[in-house]
PDB file of all heavy atoms in Angstrom:
ATOM      1  N   ASP A   1      89.174  82.593 100.776  1.00  0.00           N
ATOM      2  CA  ASP A   1      89.926  81.693 101.657  1.00  0.00           C
ATOM      3  C   ASP A   1      90.791  82.447 102.638  1.00  0.00           C
ATOM      4  O   ASP A   1      91.731  81.871 103.214  1.00  0.00           O
ATOM      5  CB  ASP A   1      90.802  80.738 100.815  1.00  0.00           C
ATOM      6  CG  ASP A   1      89.978  79.738 100.026  1.00  0.00           C
ATOM      7  OD1 ASP A   1      88.841  79.431 100.439  1.00  0.00           O
ATOM      8  OD2 ASP A   1      90.463  79.266  98.999  1.00  0.00           O
ATOM      9  N   ASP A   2      90.513  83.714 102.863  1.00  0.00           N
ATOM     10  CA  ASP A   2      91.244  84.491 103.867  1.00  0.00           C
ATOM     11  C   ASP A   2      90.820  83.981 105.251  1.00  0.00           C
ATOM     12  O   ASP A   2      89.716  84.232 105.703  1.00  0.00           O
ATOM     13  CB  ASP A   2      90.914  85.985 103.702  1.00  0.00           C
ATOM     14  CG  ASP A   2      91.733  86.884 104.638  1.00  0.00           C
ATOM     15  OD1 ASP A   2      91.952  86.489 105.803  1.00  0.00           O
ATOM     16  OD2 ASP A   2      92.108  87.981 104.190  1.00  0.00           O
ATOM     17  N   PHE A   3      91.718  83.261 105.884  1.00  0.00           N
ATOM     18  CA  PHE A   3      91.391  82.628 107.147  1.00  0.00           C
ATOM     19  C   PHE A   3      90.966  83.637 108.211  1.00  0.00           C
ATOM     20  O   PHE A   3      89.926  83.473 108.866  1.00  0.00           O
ATOM     21  CB  PHE A   3      92.585  81.818 107.635  1.00  0.00           C
ATOM     22  CG  PHE A   3      92.438  81.286 109.047  1.00  0.00           C
ATOM     23  CD1 PHE A   3      91.684  80.149 109.289  1.00  0.00           C
ATOM     24  CD2 PHE A   3      93.013  81.949 110.104  1.00  0.00           C
ATOM     25  CE1 PHE A   3      91.506  79.681 110.582  1.00  0.00           C
ATOM     26  CE2 PHE A   3      92.872  81.468 111.403  1.00  0.00           C
ATOM     27  CZ  PHE A   3      92.122  80.344 111.648  1.00  0.00           C
ATOM     28  N   ASP A   4      91.791  84.649 108.441  1.00  0.00           N
ATOM     29  CA  ASP A   4      91.517  85.607 109.503  1.00  0.00           C
ATOM     30  C   ASP A   4      90.190  86.353 109.258  1.00  0.00           C
ATOM     31  O   ASP A   4      89.453  86.638 110.219  1.00  0.00           O
ATOM     32  CB  ASP A   4      92.649  86.613 109.647  1.00  0.00           C
ATOM     33  CG  ASP A   4      93.904  85.963 110.206  1.00  0.00           C
ATOM     34  OD1 ASP A   4      93.760  85.093 111.098  1.00  0.00           O
ATOM     35  OD2 ASP A   4      95.013  86.292 109.747  1.00  0.00           O
ATOM     36  N   ALA A   5      89.901  86.650 108.004  1.00  0.00           N
ATOM     37  CA  ALA A   5      88.644  87.344 107.695  1.00  0.00           C
ATOM     38  C   ALA A   5      87.450  86.442 108.005  1.00  0.00           C
ATOM     39  O   ALA A   5      86.435  86.896 108.525  1.00  0.00           O
ATOM     40  CB  ALA A   5      88.625  87.782 106.214  1.00  0.00           C
ATOM     41  N   ASN A   6      87.552  85.157 107.675  1.00  0.00           N
ATOM     42  CA  ASN A   6      86.460  84.212 107.972  1.00  0.00           C
ATOM     43  C   ASN A   6      86.239  84.122 109.486  1.00  0.00           C
ATOM     44  O   ASN A   6      85.083  84.129 109.943  1.00  0.00           O
ATOM     45  CB  ASN A   6      86.808  82.825 107.392  1.00  0.00           C
ATOM     46  CG  ASN A   6      86.419  82.680 105.934  1.00  0.00           C
ATOM     47  OD1 ASN A   6      85.245  82.500 105.614  1.00  0.00           O
ATOM     48  ND2 ASN A   6      87.385  82.772 105.062  1.00  0.00           N
ATOM     49  N   VAL A   7      87.314  83.987 110.248  1.00  0.00           N
ATOM     50  CA  VAL A   7      87.180  83.860 111.693  1.00  0.00           C
ATOM     51  C   VAL A   7      86.584  85.114 112.323  1.00  0.00           C
ATOM     52  O   VAL A   7      85.655  85.059 113.122  1.00  0.00           O
ATOM     53  CB  VAL A   7      88.536  83.512 112.335  1.00  0.00           C
ATOM     54  CG1 VAL A   7      88.416  83.574 113.863  1.00  0.00           C
ATOM     55  CG2 VAL A   7      88.996  82.137 111.917  1.00  0.00           C
ATOM     56  N   THR A   8      87.137  86.264 111.947  1.00  0.00           N
ATOM     57  CA  THR A   8      86.693  87.507 112.575  1.00  0.00           C
ATOM     58  C   THR A   8      85.248  87.848 112.199  1.00  0.00           C
ATOM     59  O   THR A   8      84.465  88.214 113.082  1.00  0.00           O
ATOM     60  CB  THR A   8      87.622  88.675 112.156  1.00  0.00           C
ATOM     61  OG1 THR A   8      88.994  88.296 112.394  1.00  0.00           O
ATOM     62  CG2 THR A   8      87.305  89.932 112.957  1.00  0.00           C
ATOM     63  N   LEU A   9      84.898  87.705 110.934  1.00  0.00           N
ATOM     64  CA  LEU A   9      83.533  87.995 110.533  1.00  0.00           C
ATOM     65  C   LEU A   9      82.571  86.946 111.099  1.00  0.00           C
ATOM     66  O   LEU A   9      81.425  87.258 111.486  1.00  0.00           O
ATOM     67  CB  LEU A   9      83.415  88.054 109.000  1.00  0.00           C
ATOM     68  CG  LEU A   9      82.058  88.509 108.457  1.00  0.00           C
ATOM     69  CD1 LEU A   9      81.645  89.845 109.036  1.00  0.00           C
ATOM     70  CD2 LEU A   9      82.086  88.553 106.934  1.00  0.00           C
ATOM     71  N   GLY A  10      83.041  85.715 111.218  1.00  0.00           N
ATOM     72  CA  GLY A  10      82.230  84.684 111.830  1.00  0.00           C
ATOM     73  C   GLY A  10      81.903  85.018 113.284  1.00  0.00           C
ATOM     74  O   GLY A  10      80.759  84.828 113.745  1.00  0.00           O
ATOM     75  N   ALA A  11      82.879  85.529 114.012  1.00  0.00           N
ATOM     76  CA  ALA A  11      82.639  85.940 115.409  1.00  0.00           C
ATOM     77  C   ALA A  11      81.662  87.101 115.474  1.00  0.00           C
ATOM     78  O   ALA A  11      80.793  87.153 116.373  1.00  0.00           O
ATOM     79  CB  ALA A  11      83.964  86.321 116.061  1.00  0.00           C
ATOM     80  N   ILE A  12      81.759  88.022 114.538  1.00  0.00           N
ATOM     81  CA  ILE A  12      80.823  89.157 114.523  1.00  0.00           C
ATOM     82  C   ILE A  12      79.414  88.658 114.219  1.00  0.00           C
ATOM     83  O   ILE A  12      78.436  89.079 114.889  1.00  0.00           O
ATOM     84  CB  ILE A  12      81.268  90.215 113.474  1.00  0.00           C
ATOM     85  CG1 ILE A  12      82.556  90.903 113.931  1.00  0.00           C
ATOM     86  CG2 ILE A  12      80.159  91.241 113.229  1.00  0.00           C
ATOM     87  CD1 ILE A  12      83.141  91.831 112.892  1.00  0.00           C
ATOM     88  N   ARG A  13      79.277  87.795 113.231  1.00  0.00           N
ATOM     89  CA  ARG A  13      77.946  87.269 112.902  1.00  0.00           C
ATOM     90  C   ARG A  13      77.331  86.514 114.112  1.00  0.00           C
ATOM     91  O   ARG A  13      76.122  86.613 114.370  1.00  0.00           O
ATOM     92  CB  ARG A  13      78.052  86.284 111.705  1.00  0.00           C
ATOM     93  CG  ARG A  13      78.456  86.953 110.401  1.00  0.00           C
ATOM     94  CD  ARG A  13      77.384  87.882 109.906  1.00  0.00           C
ATOM     95  NE  ARG A  13      77.630  88.330 108.543  1.00  0.00           N
ATOM     96  CZ  ARG A  13      77.527  89.600 108.166  1.00  0.00           C
ATOM     97  NH1 ARG A  13      77.147  90.529 109.049  1.00  0.00           N
ATOM     98  NH2 ARG A  13      77.754  89.944 106.921  1.00  0.00           N
ATOM     99  N   ASN A  14      78.183  85.804 114.829  1.00  0.00           N
ATOM    100  CA  ASN A  14      77.682  85.122 116.018  1.00  0.00           C
ATOM    101  C   ASN A  14      77.170  86.123 117.068  1.00  0.00           C
ATOM    102  O   ASN A  14      76.129  85.904 117.696  1.00  0.00           O
ATOM    103  CB  ASN A  14      78.790  84.250 116.619  1.00  0.00           C
ATOM    104  CG  ASN A  14      78.295  83.380 117.766  1.00  0.00           C
ATOM    105  OD1 ASN A  14      77.137  83.010 117.838  1.00  0.00           O
ATOM    106  ND2 ASN A  14      79.181  83.057 118.674  1.00  0.00           N
ATOM    107  N   SER A  15      77.923  87.193 117.245  1.00  0.00           N
ATOM    108  CA  SER A  15      77.508  88.196 118.226  1.00  0.00           C
ATOM    109  C   SER A  15      76.199  88.895 117.820  1.00  0.00           C
ATOM    110  O   SER A  15      75.465  89.395 118.651  1.00  0.00           O
ATOM    111  CB  SER A  15      78.617  89.235 118.435  1.00  0.00           C
ATOM    112  OG  SER A  15      78.792  90.036 117.266  1.00  0.00           O
ATOM    113  N   GLU A  16      75.919  88.897 116.503  1.00  0.00           N
ATOM    114  CA  GLU A  16      74.705  89.472 115.994  1.00  0.00           C
ATOM    115  C   GLU A  16      73.567  88.450 115.935  1.00  0.00           C
ATOM    116  O   GLU A  16      72.473  88.745 115.447  1.00  0.00           O
ATOM    117  CB  GLU A  16      74.949  90.042 114.593  1.00  0.00           C
ATOM    118  CG  GLU A  16      75.925  91.222 114.539  1.00  0.00           C
ATOM    119  CD  GLU A  16      76.317  91.622 113.137  1.00  0.00           C
ATOM    120  OE1 GLU A  16      76.202  90.770 112.191  1.00  0.00           O
ATOM    121  OE2 GLU A  16      76.738  92.766 112.942  1.00  0.00           O
ATOM    122  N   ARG A  17      73.845  87.246 116.382  1.00  0.00           N
ATOM    123  CA  ARG A  17      72.894  86.126 116.401  1.00  0.00           C
ATOM    124  C   ARG A  17      72.518  85.639 114.987  1.00  0.00           C
ATOM    125  O   ARG A  17      71.498  84.994 114.799  1.00  0.00           O
ATOM    126  CB  ARG A  17      71.598  86.473 117.153  1.00  0.00           C
ATOM    127  CG  ARG A  17      71.835  87.034 118.550  1.00  0.00           C
ATOM    128  CD  ARG A  17      72.706  86.107 119.382  1.00  0.00           C
ATOM    129  NE  ARG A  17      72.069  84.829 119.659  1.00  0.00           N
ATOM    130  CZ  ARG A  17      72.705  83.766 120.175  1.00  0.00           C
ATOM    131  NH1 ARG A  17      74.000  83.836 120.439  1.00  0.00           N
ATOM    132  NH2 ARG A  17      72.051  82.644 120.419  1.00  0.00           N
ATOM    133  N   ASP A  18      73.388  85.955 114.035  1.00  0.00           N
ATOM    134  CA  ASP A  18      73.243  85.377 112.699  1.00  0.00           C
ATOM    135  C   ASP A  18      74.007  84.053 112.710  1.00  0.00           C
ATOM    136  O   ASP A  18      75.130  83.928 112.229  1.00  0.00           O
ATOM    137  CB  ASP A  18      73.809  86.316 111.639  1.00  0.00           C
ATOM    138  CG  ASP A  18      73.765  85.738 110.218  1.00  0.00           C
ATOM    139  OD1 ASP A  18      73.169  84.621 110.056  1.00  0.00           O
ATOM    140  OD2 ASP A  18      74.343  86.358 109.307  1.00  0.00           O
ATOM    141  N   LEU A  19      73.388  83.023 113.305  1.00  0.00           N
ATOM    142  CA  LEU A  19      74.101  81.771 113.558  1.00  0.00           C
ATOM    143  C   LEU A  19      74.412  81.026 112.270  1.00  0.00           C
ATOM    144  O   LEU A  19      75.480  80.405 112.134  1.00  0.00           O
ATOM    145  CB  LEU A  19      73.267  80.896 114.494  1.00  0.00           C
ATOM    146  CG  LEU A  19      72.996  81.497 115.893  1.00  0.00           C
ATOM    147  CD1 LEU A  19      72.211  80.492 116.728  1.00  0.00           C
ATOM    148  CD2 LEU A  19      74.260  81.938 116.569  1.00  0.00           C
ATOM    149  N   ALA A  20      73.509  81.063 111.309  1.00  0.00           N
ATOM    150  CA  ALA A  20      73.746  80.370 110.046  1.00  0.00           C
ATOM    151  C   ALA A  20      74.938  81.021 109.321  1.00  0.00           C
ATOM    152  O   ALA A  20      75.812  80.311 108.782  1.00  0.00           O
ATOM    153  CB  ALA A  20      72.509  80.395 109.169  1.00  0.00           C
ATOM    154  N   GLY A  21      74.935  82.341 109.280  1.00  0.00           N
ATOM    155  CA  GLY A  21      76.056  83.050 108.645  1.00  0.00           C
ATOM    156  C   GLY A  21      77.376  82.799 109.349  1.00  0.00           C
ATOM    157  O   GLY A  21      78.407  82.577 108.708  1.00  0.00           O
ATOM    158  N   ALA A  22      77.340  82.818 110.669  1.00  0.00           N
ATOM    159  CA  ALA A  22      78.546  82.563 111.455  1.00  0.00           C
ATOM    160  C   ALA A  22      79.039  81.145 111.228  1.00  0.00           C
ATOM    161  O   ALA A  22      80.244  80.905 111.056  1.00  0.00           O
ATOM    162  CB  ALA A  22      78.275  82.809 112.943  1.00  0.00           C
ATOM    163  N   ARG A  23      78.118  80.202 111.219  1.00  0.00           N
ATOM    164  CA  ARG A  23      78.492  78.773 111.058  1.00  0.00           C
ATOM    165  C   ARG A  23      79.170  78.542 109.716  1.00  0.00           C
ATOM    166  O   ARG A  23      80.205  77.821 109.642  1.00  0.00           O
ATOM    167  CB  ARG A  23      77.261  77.897 111.193  1.00  0.00           C
ATOM    168  CG  ARG A  23      77.511  76.409 111.079  1.00  0.00           C
ATOM    169  CD  ARG A  23      78.322  75.879 112.255  1.00  0.00           C
ATOM    170  NE  ARG A  23      78.584  74.455 112.130  1.00  0.00           N
ATOM    171  CZ  ARG A  23      77.821  73.495 112.694  1.00  0.00           C
ATOM    172  NH1 ARG A  23      76.756  73.845 113.419  1.00  0.00           N
ATOM    173  NH2 ARG A  23      78.140  72.240 112.559  1.00  0.00           N
ATOM    174  N   LYS A  24      78.643  79.120 108.675  1.00  0.00           N
ATOM    175  CA  LYS A  24      79.234  78.955 107.350  1.00  0.00           C
ATOM    176  C   LYS A  24      80.673  79.474 107.314  1.00  0.00           C
ATOM    177  O   LYS A  24      81.588  78.818 106.809  1.00  0.00           O
ATOM    178  CB  LYS A  24      78.382  79.680 106.311  1.00  0.00           C
ATOM    179  CG  LYS A  24      78.904  79.560 104.880  1.00  0.00           C
ATOM    180  CD  LYS A  24      77.997  80.278 103.904  1.00  0.00           C
ATOM    181  CE  LYS A  24      78.544  80.152 102.488  1.00  0.00           C
ATOM    182  NZ  LYS A  24      77.676  80.888 101.497  1.00  0.00           N
ATOM    183  N   LEU A  25      80.888  80.641 107.879  1.00  0.00           N
ATOM    184  CA  LEU A  25      82.203  81.237 107.880  1.00  0.00           C
ATOM    185  C   LEU A  25      83.200  80.448 108.733  1.00  0.00           C
ATOM    186  O   LEU A  25      84.356  80.188 108.328  1.00  0.00           O
ATOM    187  CB  LEU A  25      82.145  82.690 108.387  1.00  0.00           C
ATOM    188  CG  LEU A  25      81.430  83.681 107.464  1.00  0.00           C
ATOM    189  CD1 LEU A  25      81.017  84.920 108.249  1.00  0.00           C
ATOM    190  CD2 LEU A  25      82.359  84.073 106.313  1.00  0.00           C
ATOM    191  N   LEU A  26      82.762  80.023 109.894  1.00  0.00           N
ATOM    192  CA  LEU A  26      83.664  79.321 110.800  1.00  0.00           C
ATOM    193  C   LEU A  26      83.923  77.886 110.394  1.00  0.00           C
ATOM    194  O   LEU A  26      85.016  77.364 110.618  1.00  0.00           O
ATOM    195  CB  LEU A  26      83.104  79.415 112.225  1.00  0.00           C
ATOM    196  CG  LEU A  26      83.111  80.827 112.802  1.00  0.00           C
ATOM    197  CD1 LEU A  26      82.272  80.910 114.077  1.00  0.00           C
ATOM    198  CD2 LEU A  26      84.547  81.291 113.058  1.00  0.00           C
ATOM    199  N   ASP A  27      82.926  77.240 109.792  1.00  0.00           N
ATOM    200  CA  ASP A  27      83.163  75.910 109.232  1.00  0.00           C
ATOM    201  C   ASP A  27      84.273  75.999 108.171  1.00  0.00           C
ATOM    202  O   ASP A  27      85.153  75.135 108.105  1.00  0.00           O
ATOM    203  CB  ASP A  27      81.884  75.369 108.590  1.00  0.00           C
ATOM    204  CG  ASP A  27      80.994  74.635 109.589  1.00  0.00           C
ATOM    205  OD1 ASP A  27      81.504  74.169 110.634  1.00  0.00           O
ATOM    206  OD2 ASP A  27      79.774  74.541 109.337  1.00  0.00           O
ATOM    207  N   HIS A  28      84.192  77.045 107.342  1.00  0.00           N
ATOM    208  CA  HIS A  28      85.203  77.188 106.305  1.00  0.00           C
ATOM    209  C   HIS A  28      86.566  77.477 106.925  1.00  0.00           C
ATOM    210  O   HIS A  28      87.604  76.960 106.456  1.00  0.00           O
ATOM    211  CB  HIS A  28      84.799  78.335 105.347  1.00  0.00           C
ATOM    212  CG  HIS A  28      85.669  78.425 104.129  1.00  0.00           C
ATOM    213  ND1 HIS A  28      85.996  77.356 103.339  1.00  0.00           N
ATOM    214  CD2 HIS A  28      86.330  79.485 103.592  1.00  0.00           C
ATOM    215  CE1 HIS A  28      86.779  77.744 102.356  1.00  0.00           C
ATOM    216  NE2 HIS A  28      87.007  79.028 102.493  1.00  0.00           N
ATOM    217  N   ALA A  29      86.596  78.289 107.963  1.00  0.00           N
ATOM    218  CA  ALA A  29      87.872  78.604 108.626  1.00  0.00           C
ATOM    219  C   ALA A  29      88.533  77.348 109.185  1.00  0.00           C
ATOM    220  O   ALA A  29      89.747  77.146 109.044  1.00  0.00           O
ATOM    221  CB  ALA A  29      87.652  79.617 109.742  1.00  0.00           C
ATOM    222  N   VAL A  30      87.732  76.468 109.803  1.00  0.00           N
ATOM    223  CA  VAL A  30      88.276  75.224 110.333  1.00  0.00           C
ATOM    224  C   VAL A  30      88.755  74.310 109.223  1.00  0.00           C
ATOM    225  O   VAL A  30      89.753  73.602 109.367  1.00  0.00           O
ATOM    226  CB  VAL A  30      87.238  74.536 111.238  1.00  0.00           C
ATOM    227  CG1 VAL A  30      87.695  73.124 111.640  1.00  0.00           C
ATOM    228  CG2 VAL A  30      86.980  75.371 112.497  1.00  0.00           C
ATOM    229  N   GLN A  31      88.075  74.324 108.090  1.00  0.00           N
ATOM    230  CA  GLN A  31      88.525  73.537 106.945  1.00  0.00           C
ATOM    231  C   GLN A  31      89.889  74.056 106.449  1.00  0.00           C
ATOM    232  O   GLN A  31      90.739  73.279 106.050  1.00  0.00           O
ATOM    233  CB  GLN A  31      87.496  73.595 105.811  1.00  0.00           C
ATOM    234  CG  GLN A  31      86.208  72.812 106.098  1.00  0.00           C
ATOM    235  CD  GLN A  31      85.153  73.028 105.021  1.00  0.00           C
ATOM    236  OE1 GLN A  31      85.357  73.811 104.079  1.00  0.00           O
ATOM    237  NE2 GLN A  31      84.038  72.346 105.153  1.00  0.00           N
ATOM    238  N   LEU A  32      90.023  75.392 106.478  1.00  0.00           N
ATOM    239  CA  LEU A  32      91.277  75.992 106.020  1.00  0.00           C
ATOM    240  C   LEU A  32      92.426  75.649 106.965  1.00  0.00           C
ATOM    241  O   LEU A  32      93.544  75.344 106.547  1.00  0.00           O
ATOM    242  CB  LEU A  32      91.133  77.511 105.884  1.00  0.00           C
ATOM    243  CG  LEU A  32      90.216  78.007 104.777  1.00  0.00           C
ATOM    244  CD1 LEU A  32      89.972  79.511 104.932  1.00  0.00           C
ATOM    245  CD2 LEU A  32      90.862  77.743 103.408  1.00  0.00           C
TER     246      LEU A  32
END
């Protein structure tokens, strides 16, 4: 539940075009 880690890694996954991985992380960040 580390908010900043979810957001930052989500942005990295997005830049790598791992959209599913990014979406999971960022959905969780917004829930937090």
